[in-house]
């Protein structure tokens, strides 16, 4: 039996704002199933949800087209992958020009050890998630960012992650 495949566009990592999607009970059940195991077959989902495989495929494609779903990705464990150092770094900038900020963001997005970047409101302008093999490598990464933008970074603060207690289960906002 041929494995059915649903194509998703490349994930860019940015949230998109726009028109809200209207979820019905089947959309919620589909999201719950995908959240639990995105590799579950359409046939298995069909049995559990009570819709045909084609109906589920069409609904998933509609969720993708509506940009509710951006990608199907595994949840990776950085410590098991050789990256036990996970630090959140809060950064504030001196009044940057638009061009300076674009260059700063491009630099961060191109650094493989910077796994998350978000703009903030408040004391800090950005939060970064930096993963490293050891404290020395983390220090080198952070110094590299600071040395690359010495006239742009006003202040920073580092918070090391000791233990994660909950991973982003965003689908639960809709289904439960």
Protein backbone atom coordinates (compact mmCIF):
# COMPACT_ATOMS: atom_id res chain seq x y z
CA UNK A 1 0.00 0.00 0.00
CA UNK A 2 1.41 3.39 -1.03
CA UNK A 3 2.06 5.89 1.80
CA UNK A 4 -0.01 9.02 1.23
CA UNK A 5 1.97 12.22 1.33
CA UNK A 6 0.90 15.78 2.07
CA UNK A 7 3.24 18.47 0.77
CA UNK A 8 4.04 21.48 2.93
CA UNK A 9 5.97 24.57 1.92
CA UNK A 10 9.40 25.30 3.38
CA UNK A 11 9.07 26.61 6.93
CA UNK A 12 10.41 30.14 7.31
CA UNK A 13 9.90 30.35 11.07
CA UNK A 14 7.92 33.57 11.13
CA UNK A 15 4.40 33.90 12.47
CA UNK A 16 1.92 35.28 10.00
CA UNK A 17 -0.97 37.46 11.01
CA UNK A 18 -4.17 37.86 9.07
CA UNK A 19 -7.68 36.51 8.93
CA UNK A 20 -8.58 34.03 11.65
CA UNK A 21 -9.35 30.50 10.55
CA UNK A 22 -12.77 29.15 11.57
CA UNK A 23 -12.25 25.69 13.09
CA UNK A 24 -15.02 23.13 13.24
CA UNK A 25 -14.99 19.96 15.36
CA UNK A 26 -13.28 17.93 12.61
CA UNK A 27 -10.51 20.50 12.17
CA UNK A 28 -9.89 20.35 15.91
CA UNK A 29 -9.77 16.55 15.89
CA UNK A 30 -7.35 16.60 12.95
CA UNK A 31 -5.09 19.10 14.71
CA UNK A 32 -5.13 16.95 17.84
CA UNK A 33 -4.15 13.84 15.87
CA UNK A 34 -1.37 15.70 14.02
CA UNK A 35 -0.12 17.20 17.28
CA UNK A 36 0.12 13.75 18.84
CA UNK A 37 1.79 12.17 15.80
CA UNK A 38 2.12 14.03 12.49
CA UNK A 39 3.25 10.78 10.82
CA UNK A 40 -0.02 9.02 11.52
CA UNK A 41 -1.55 7.66 8.32
CA UNK A 42 -4.70 9.16 6.86
CA UNK A 43 -6.32 5.73 7.19
CA UNK A 44 -5.64 5.65 10.94
CA UNK A 45 -6.86 9.21 11.31
CA UNK A 46 -9.98 8.35 9.30
CA UNK A 47 -10.91 5.55 11.72
CA UNK A 48 -10.46 7.78 14.76
CA UNK A 49 -12.08 10.96 13.39
CA UNK A 50 -14.90 9.49 11.32
CA UNK A 51 -14.10 11.17 8.00
CA UNK A 52 -12.77 9.63 4.80
CA UNK A 53 -9.06 9.79 4.00
CA UNK A 54 -9.80 12.19 1.14
CA UNK A 55 -11.80 14.47 3.44
CA UNK A 56 -8.96 14.51 5.98
CA UNK A 57 -6.35 15.14 3.27
CA UNK A 58 -8.44 18.01 1.88
CA UNK A 59 -8.89 19.53 5.35
CA UNK A 60 -5.16 19.27 6.10
CA UNK A 61 -4.38 20.92 2.76
CA UNK A 62 -6.89 23.67 3.60
CA UNK A 63 -5.13 24.20 6.97
CA UNK A 64 -1.81 24.41 5.10
CA UNK A 65 -3.19 26.79 2.45
CA UNK A 66 -4.68 28.96 5.21
CA UNK A 67 -1.25 29.00 6.90
CA UNK A 68 -2.56 27.45 10.12
CA UNK A 69 0.00 24.66 9.57
CA UNK A 70 3.45 25.76 8.41
CA UNK A 71 5.35 22.47 8.60
CA UNK A 72 5.46 18.97 10.00
CA UNK A 73 8.68 18.72 11.99
CA UNK A 74 10.14 16.42 14.62
CA UNK A 75 10.67 17.57 18.19
CA UNK A 76 14.40 17.25 18.72
CA UNK A 77 16.24 16.85 22.02
CA UNK A 78 19.34 19.12 21.93
CA UNK A 79 21.11 17.44 24.90
CA UNK A 80 20.82 14.04 23.14
CA UNK A 81 22.28 15.63 20.01
CA UNK A 82 25.41 16.94 21.75
CA UNK A 83 24.06 20.40 22.64
CA UNK A 84 23.41 20.34 26.41
CA UNK A 85 23.94 24.09 26.81
CA UNK A 86 20.66 25.90 26.10
CA UNK A 87 20.56 29.60 26.97
CA UNK A 88 18.04 32.35 26.44
CA UNK A 89 19.72 35.65 25.71
CA UNK A 90 17.81 38.91 26.02
CA UNK A 91 19.26 41.80 24.02
CA UNK A 92 18.49 45.51 23.90
CA UNK A 93 19.77 47.68 21.08
CA UNK A 94 20.74 51.32 20.76
CA UNK A 95 18.16 52.98 18.52
CA UNK A 96 19.02 50.98 15.35
CA UNK A 97 18.31 52.08 11.79
CA UNK A 98 16.15 49.78 9.71
CA UNK A 99 19.22 48.64 7.79
CA UNK A 100 21.21 47.90 10.98
CA UNK A 101 18.33 45.86 12.36
CA UNK A 102 17.98 43.88 9.12
CA UNK A 103 21.72 43.11 9.15
CA UNK A 104 21.54 42.08 12.84
CA UNK A 105 18.58 39.75 12.20
CA UNK A 106 20.19 38.27 9.09
CA UNK A 107 23.34 37.51 11.07
CA UNK A 108 21.34 35.80 13.84
CA UNK A 109 19.16 33.81 11.44
CA UNK A 110 22.27 32.53 9.64
CA UNK A 111 23.93 31.31 12.85
CA UNK A 112 23.12 27.61 13.24
CA UNK A 113 23.48 27.79 17.03
CA UNK A 114 20.85 30.51 17.32
CA UNK A 115 17.71 28.39 17.15
CA UNK A 116 15.09 31.01 18.02
CA UNK A 117 14.84 34.77 17.52
CA UNK A 118 11.86 36.91 18.47
CA UNK A 119 11.29 40.64 18.73
CA UNK A 120 9.95 41.81 22.08
CA UNK A 121 8.11 44.76 23.58
CA UNK A 122 9.56 46.15 26.79
CA UNK A 123 13.04 46.46 28.24
CA UNK A 124 14.51 43.93 25.78
CA UNK A 125 14.29 44.19 22.00
CA UNK A 126 15.05 40.53 21.23
CA UNK A 127 15.17 37.10 22.78
CA UNK A 128 17.51 34.46 21.35
CA UNK A 129 17.76 30.77 22.08
CA UNK A 130 21.37 29.70 21.71
CA UNK A 131 22.40 26.04 21.90
CA UNK A 132 26.00 24.96 22.34
CA UNK A 133 28.13 21.87 22.89
CA UNK A 134 29.76 23.33 26.01
CA UNK A 135 30.06 26.61 27.97
CA UNK A 136 33.17 27.61 26.01
CA UNK A 137 31.36 27.30 22.69
CA UNK A 138 28.42 29.32 24.05
CA UNK A 139 30.83 32.05 25.21
CA UNK A 140 32.44 32.12 21.74
CA UNK A 141 29.02 32.40 20.02
CA UNK A 142 27.83 35.22 22.29
CA UNK A 143 31.15 37.09 22.00
CA UNK A 144 30.93 36.71 18.22
CA UNK A 145 27.51 38.38 18.20
CA UNK A 146 28.66 41.16 20.54
CA UNK A 147 31.89 41.77 18.60
CA UNK A 148 30.04 41.85 15.27
CA UNK A 149 27.63 44.54 16.56
CA UNK A 150 29.55 46.49 19.25
CA UNK A 151 27.83 49.82 18.51
CA UNK A 152 24.37 48.28 18.25
CA UNK A 153 24.02 46.07 21.35
CA UNK A 154 23.28 48.20 24.38
CA UNK A 155 22.78 45.45 26.95
CA UNK A 156 22.19 41.72 27.25
CA UNK A 157 21.25 39.15 29.87
CA UNK A 158 21.70 35.37 29.78
CA UNK A 159 19.39 32.80 31.35
CA UNK A 160 20.50 29.18 31.23
CA UNK A 161 17.88 26.45 30.86
CA UNK A 162 18.24 23.77 33.50
CA UNK A 163 15.14 21.73 32.66
CA UNK A 164 12.21 22.07 30.26
CA UNK A 165 8.84 21.27 31.81
CA UNK A 166 6.53 21.95 28.90
CA UNK A 167 7.13 22.13 25.19
CA UNK A 168 5.02 24.37 22.98
CA UNK A 169 1.79 22.49 22.52
CA UNK A 170 0.16 25.26 20.53
CA UNK A 171 -2.51 23.02 19.01
CA UNK A 172 -4.04 22.65 22.46
CA UNK A 173 -5.14 26.29 22.22
CA UNK A 174 -7.72 25.07 19.67
CA UNK A 175 -8.59 21.47 20.54
CA UNK A 176 -8.39 21.44 24.20
